[in-house]
Amino acid sequence: MRSFTGPAKEFEVSRLLYEKNTGRKQPENRDIIAYRMIQSFVPGEITPEDAKKKACYSKYRAARKEMIEYQNAKRNVDRLLGITRLQEKPREKEHGTRIINEK
């Protein structure tokens, strides 16, 4: 019997459980315990760096949308309960433009 460590050990245990439960066994020369997939793009379509930026930006947009929904819900609850802000200060966006106060 072969001896494995780490993830290979987990694959080996899974393979042995599969063999025990199904009674099926692969021949030794065809015994594959892992596959590797590589995503590729047509040359010039997109670079790996741009793909990573797009993924990060989509995560940022999703988080931002969630935060806006949370803030809107909080404003609605505050409005229904009659809670007012203690300090009304104009806030600034990251790039320095002012936000118009909502009243």
Protein backbone atom coordinates (compact mmCIF):
# COMPACT_ATOMS: atom_id res chain seq x y z
CA MET A 1 0.00 0.00 0.00
CA ARG A 2 1.18 3.51 -0.82
CA SER A 3 1.82 6.09 1.86
CA PHE A 4 0.60 9.69 1.37
CA THR A 5 0.53 12.88 3.45
CA GLY A 6 -1.61 16.03 3.39
CA PRO A 7 -4.17 16.47 0.61
CA ALA A 8 -2.90 13.36 -1.17
CA LYS A 9 -3.80 11.37 1.95
CA GLU A 10 -7.35 12.78 1.83
CA PHE A 11 -7.67 11.75 -1.82
CA GLU A 12 -6.39 8.28 -1.00
CA VAL A 13 -8.88 7.87 1.87
CA SER A 14 -11.72 9.08 -0.40
CA ARG A 15 -10.66 6.61 -3.09
CA LEU A 16 -10.59 3.74 -0.60
CA LEU A 17 -14.04 4.66 0.74
CA TYR A 18 -15.38 4.82 -2.82
CA GLU A 19 -13.94 1.37 -3.57
CA LYS A 20 -15.40 -0.04 -0.35
CA ASN A 21 -18.87 1.44 -0.93
CA THR A 22 -19.20 0.69 -4.66
CA GLY A 23 -17.00 -2.36 -5.12
CA ARG A 24 -15.44 -0.70 -8.19
CA LYS A 25 -11.68 -0.29 -8.53
CA GLN A 26 -9.52 1.39 -11.13
CA PRO A 27 -6.45 -0.43 -12.50
CA GLU A 28 -3.16 0.84 -11.02
CA ASN A 29 -2.03 2.38 -14.33
CA ARG A 30 -5.30 4.41 -14.57
CA ASP A 31 -5.65 5.34 -10.91
CA ILE A 32 -6.12 9.15 -11.01
CA ILE A 33 -6.64 10.84 -7.65
CA ALA A 34 -6.59 14.50 -8.72
CA TYR A 35 -7.18 16.73 -11.73
CA ARG A 36 -5.80 20.17 -12.44
CA MET A 37 -7.72 22.77 -14.43
CA ILE A 38 -6.16 25.87 -15.94
CA GLN A 39 -8.23 28.76 -17.25
CA SER A 40 -6.83 30.40 -20.35
CA PHE A 41 -7.84 33.24 -22.65
CA VAL A 42 -7.43 33.97 -26.33
CA PRO A 43 -4.20 35.97 -26.82
CA GLY A 44 -4.96 39.68 -26.56
CA GLU A 45 -8.41 39.12 -25.04
CA ILE A 46 -7.43 39.84 -21.43
CA THR A 47 -4.30 39.64 -19.32
CA PRO A 48 -4.17 37.76 -16.00
CA GLU A 49 -3.67 41.09 -14.22
CA ASP A 50 -6.79 42.59 -15.83
CA ALA A 51 -8.81 39.47 -15.00
CA LYS A 52 -7.76 39.79 -11.35
CA LYS A 53 -8.66 43.50 -11.34
CA LYS A 54 -12.10 42.72 -12.77
CA ALA A 55 -12.71 40.07 -10.12
CA CYS A 56 -11.62 42.43 -7.33
CA TYR A 57 -13.76 45.25 -8.73
CA SER A 58 -16.85 43.05 -8.94
CA LYS A 59 -16.33 42.02 -5.29
CA TYR A 60 -15.94 45.70 -4.36
CA ARG A 61 -19.16 46.62 -6.20
CA ALA A 62 -21.08 43.81 -4.48
CA ALA A 63 -19.81 44.90 -1.04
CA ARG A 64 -20.61 48.53 -1.81
CA LYS A 65 -24.15 47.64 -2.92
CA GLU A 66 -24.66 45.65 0.28
CA MET A 67 -23.41 48.56 2.39
CA ILE A 68 -25.73 51.02 0.61
CA GLU A 69 -28.70 48.70 1.23
CA TYR A 70 -27.72 48.48 4.90
CA GLN A 71 -27.43 52.28 5.19
CA ASN A 72 -30.80 52.79 3.50
CA ALA A 73 -32.45 50.30 5.86
CA LYS A 74 -30.87 52.05 8.86
CA ARG A 75 -32.09 55.47 7.63
CA ASN A 76 -35.60 54.07 7.20
CA VAL A 77 -35.63 52.59 10.72
CA ASP A 78 -34.25 55.84 12.16
CA ARG A 79 -36.91 57.83 10.29
CA LEU A 80 -39.71 55.53 11.52
CA LEU A 81 -38.48 55.74 15.11
CA GLY A 82 -37.97 59.50 14.92
CA ILE A 83 -34.26 59.29 15.64
CA THR A 84 -32.25 62.27 14.42
CA ARG A 85 -28.53 62.57 14.00
CA LEU A 86 -26.71 64.33 16.82
CA GLN A 87 -24.07 65.86 14.60
CA GLU A 88 -24.86 66.98 11.10
CA LYS A 89 -21.49 67.27 9.37
CA PRO A 90 -20.95 67.18 5.64
CA ARG A 91 -19.19 63.96 4.72
CA GLU A 92 -16.57 63.65 2.02
CA LYS A 93 -16.04 60.94 -0.54
CA GLU A 94 -12.66 59.29 -0.92
CA HIS A 95 -11.70 61.50 -3.85
CA GLY A 96 -12.54 64.73 -2.05
CA THR A 97 -15.91 65.76 -3.52
CA ARG A 98 -18.55 66.83 -1.04
CA ILE A 99 -21.81 64.96 -0.56
CA ILE A 100 -24.94 67.07 -0.40
CA ASN A 101 -26.70 66.64 2.96
CA GLU A 102 -30.01 64.83 2.76
CA LYS A 103 -32.71 66.60 4.76
